[in-house]
């Protein structure tokens, strides 16, 4: 009789109480001086703060193309009926569409763009695959926000990513104002992992994609984080991008202005950090949320 090998969990979560664990992984995985689009000073800033902003990463003409494609997708009844589309509970509008790089040749080309995937390879120090992609639609007059959380907490607990070797990029397709529900990050929060309390419900993703519950930090922990790290609100014109580490504590508020805030969101994971069995959930989330196809982006 053989026994299964004991699996090391570097980042315990979803237990009896909250647990703070110092980060066990690098932030920037490439060797110093490794080639790539990110200049050394910006790479050091990313390592320190957990994020990097890139103004005008794509042109106005490209923004128009991607925004038109976004509008085509959310207006398509077939896409709306697909399980990859998440519907805003109050308005019944499309809030997000996942796996857009598989639904759209236009967004697939964006994923392969060297300005995009080149930065991911440089930060993660290896070939990368798309763990998740989506378009986020946040129209004015009441689109709801997303509560404070670390993406890695969910990706570790429910998708089975072993290590913090994952980076996200949010590319603005509309202007990010200081009033229309923009992205907020606590700088430096990526250096401590907050393991959250409570078990993962079955099919948790069906609820969490509309409103986060499991994996949500306590008010006390968030207060401590905010006092230690502060909060940065990201603004910028359409075409700008924010890259951020998988363990950054981040969230966004409701958009009660008349001004839409929409973006395309791509998560790159190292091929050397492929998902295994979830660390704190009965089964992995569906592939369109957490990919199990680890084919490198080419």
Foldseek 3Di string as FASTA:
>chain_A
DDDDDDDDAQFAAAAAFKDKHFAPDQQFAADPPDDFDDDPVQLVQCRQFFKGKFAQLDPPVLLVVVVVVVVVQQVDPVQLPDPQWDAAVPPRGTFKGKPVLVVDVSVVVVCLPRSHQRVLCRRLVAFKDFFIKMKGKAAAAWRFKAAWAFQVLCCQQFFAQRHQRKKKKKAWSAWFDPQFWFKKWQTRQLRMAMHHYHAQDPVNVNVVVNYNDPRHHDPVVVVVSCVVRNMDGDTHGGNMMMMGTRGITMMIGHGHDRGMIMTIMTMIGHLVRQGDARPGHPGHDDCRNGNNDTDGRD
